[in-house]
Amino acid sequence: MKTLKETSLGETVKVVKLSGEGPVRRRIMDMGITKGAEIYVRKVAPFGDPVEVTVRGYELSLRKADAEMIEVE
């Protein structure tokens, strides 16, 4: 299984599972990233941090550490 961090620029993926726990997981879910949500990778900063994505019609920037917790297909 790959993570959002490993997803290529311009790719659209579907969330399969969120790892992590407590407040971090809650924060990711509050941003609209839940199981089954589609995420489009818009931009990746030169060193990979942050990653800009579009989810549920709005743009979002995620840290590499957060993107690593999101399993996609």
C-alpha atoms as a PDB file:
ATOM      1  CA  MET A   1       0.000   0.000   0.000  1.00  0.00           C
ATOM      2  CA  LYS A   2       1.337   3.458  -0.804  1.00  0.00           C
ATOM      3  CA  THR A   3       0.943   6.672   1.164  1.00  0.00           C
ATOM      4  CA  LEU A   4      -0.045  10.144   0.026  1.00  0.00           C
ATOM      5  CA  LYS A   5       3.602  11.163   0.490  1.00  0.00           C
ATOM      6  CA  GLU A   6       4.622   8.716  -2.289  1.00  0.00           C
ATOM      7  CA  THR A   7       1.913   9.908  -4.702  1.00  0.00           C
ATOM      8  CA  SER A   8       3.075  11.645  -7.878  1.00  0.00           C
ATOM      9  CA  LEU A   9       2.241  15.181  -8.925  1.00  0.00           C
ATOM     10  CA  GLY A  10      -1.006  15.379 -10.902  1.00  0.00           C
ATOM     11  CA  GLU A  11      -2.268  12.023  -9.618  1.00  0.00           C
ATOM     12  CA  THR A  12      -5.742  11.512  -8.145  1.00  0.00           C
ATOM     13  CA  VAL A  13      -5.956   8.879  -5.417  1.00  0.00           C
ATOM     14  CA  LYS A  14      -8.550   7.513  -3.021  1.00  0.00           C
ATOM     15  CA  VAL A  15      -8.028   7.320   0.760  1.00  0.00           C
ATOM     16  CA  VAL A  16      -8.008   3.727   2.010  1.00  0.00           C
ATOM     17  CA  LYS A  17      -6.888   4.123   5.614  1.00  0.00           C
ATOM     18  CA  LEU A  18      -5.609   6.700   8.114  1.00  0.00           C
ATOM     19  CA  SER A  19      -2.869   5.638  10.475  1.00  0.00           C
ATOM     20  CA  GLY A  20      -1.749   7.779  13.393  1.00  0.00           C
ATOM     21  CA  GLU A  21      -3.731   8.354  16.528  1.00  0.00           C
ATOM     22  CA  GLY A  22      -5.411  10.865  18.791  1.00  0.00           C
ATOM     23  CA  PRO A  23      -5.262  14.583  17.965  1.00  0.00           C
ATOM     24  CA  VAL A  24      -3.215  14.152  14.771  1.00  0.00           C
ATOM     25  CA  ARG A  25      -5.656  11.672  13.251  1.00  0.00           C
ATOM     26  CA  ARG A  26      -8.590  13.842  14.362  1.00  0.00           C
ATOM     27  CA  ARG A  27      -7.045  16.925  12.714  1.00  0.00           C
ATOM     28  CA  ILE A  28      -6.558  15.070   9.407  1.00  0.00           C
ATOM     29  CA  MET A  29     -10.187  13.885   9.509  1.00  0.00           C
ATOM     30  CA  ASP A  30     -11.387  17.418  10.346  1.00  0.00           C
ATOM     31  CA  MET A  31      -9.709  18.605   7.131  1.00  0.00           C
ATOM     32  CA  GLY A  32     -12.054  16.318   5.178  1.00  0.00           C
ATOM     33  CA  ILE A  33      -9.547  13.539   4.591  1.00  0.00           C
ATOM     34  CA  THR A  34     -11.561  10.450   5.436  1.00  0.00           C
ATOM     35  CA  LYS A  35     -11.810   6.922   4.063  1.00  0.00           C
ATOM     36  CA  GLY A  36     -13.079   7.003   0.476  1.00  0.00           C
ATOM     37  CA  ALA A  37     -12.243  10.689  -0.135  1.00  0.00           C
ATOM     38  CA  GLU A  38     -10.533  11.494  -3.431  1.00  0.00           C
ATOM     39  CA  ILE A  39      -7.360  13.553  -3.272  1.00  0.00           C
ATOM     40  CA  TYR A  40      -5.703  15.294  -6.219  1.00  0.00           C
ATOM     41  CA  VAL A  41      -2.010  16.176  -5.786  1.00  0.00           C
ATOM     42  CA  ARG A  42      -1.633  19.748  -7.121  1.00  0.00           C
ATOM     43  CA  LYS A  43       1.883  20.732  -6.110  1.00  0.00           C
ATOM     44  CA  VAL A  44       4.889  19.352  -4.304  1.00  0.00           C
ATOM     45  CA  ALA A  45       7.439  21.778  -2.835  1.00  0.00           C
ATOM     46  CA  PRO A  46      11.089  21.343  -3.982  1.00  0.00           C
ATOM     47  CA  PHE A  47      12.065  19.245  -0.957  1.00  0.00           C
ATOM     48  CA  GLY A  48       8.679  17.520  -0.777  1.00  0.00           C
ATOM     49  CA  ASP A  49       7.357  19.547   2.139  1.00  0.00           C
ATOM     50  CA  PRO A  50       4.548  20.636   2.047  1.00  0.00           C
ATOM     51  CA  VAL A  51       2.351  18.839  -0.459  1.00  0.00           C
ATOM     52  CA  GLU A  52      -0.568  20.829  -1.884  1.00  0.00           C
ATOM     53  CA  VAL A  53      -3.701  18.806  -2.551  1.00  0.00           C
ATOM     54  CA  THR A  54      -7.319  19.330  -3.508  1.00  0.00           C
ATOM     55  CA  VAL A  55      -9.829  17.397  -1.417  1.00  0.00           C
ATOM     56  CA  ARG A  56     -13.626  17.803  -1.406  1.00  0.00           C
ATOM     57  CA  GLY A  57     -13.354  20.898  -3.608  1.00  0.00           C
ATOM     58  CA  TYR A  58     -10.868  22.906  -1.569  1.00  0.00           C
ATOM     59  CA  GLU A  59      -7.105  23.301  -1.513  1.00  0.00           C
ATOM     60  CA  LEU A  60      -5.014  22.096   1.372  1.00  0.00           C
ATOM     61  CA  SER A  61      -1.317  21.986   2.285  1.00  0.00           C
ATOM     62  CA  LEU A  62      -0.089  18.951   4.193  1.00  0.00           C
ATOM     63  CA  ARG A  63       3.224  18.333   5.905  1.00  0.00           C
ATOM     64  CA  LYS A  64       5.194  15.311   4.779  1.00  0.00           C
ATOM     65  CA  ALA A  65       4.712  13.712   8.198  1.00  0.00           C
ATOM     66  CA  ASP A  66       0.909  14.010   7.857  1.00  0.00           C
ATOM     67  CA  ALA A  67       0.901  12.807   4.239  1.00  0.00           C
ATOM     68  CA  GLU A  68       2.777   9.694   5.378  1.00  0.00           C
ATOM     69  CA  MET A  69      -0.153   8.694   7.624  1.00  0.00           C
ATOM     70  CA  ILE A  70      -2.639   8.618   4.745  1.00  0.00           C
ATOM     71  CA  GLU A  71      -2.767   5.312   2.859  1.00  0.00           C
ATOM     72  CA  VAL A  72      -4.129   5.613  -0.674  1.00  0.00           C
ATOM     73  CA  GLU A  73      -4.821   3.580  -3.808  1.00  0.00           C
END
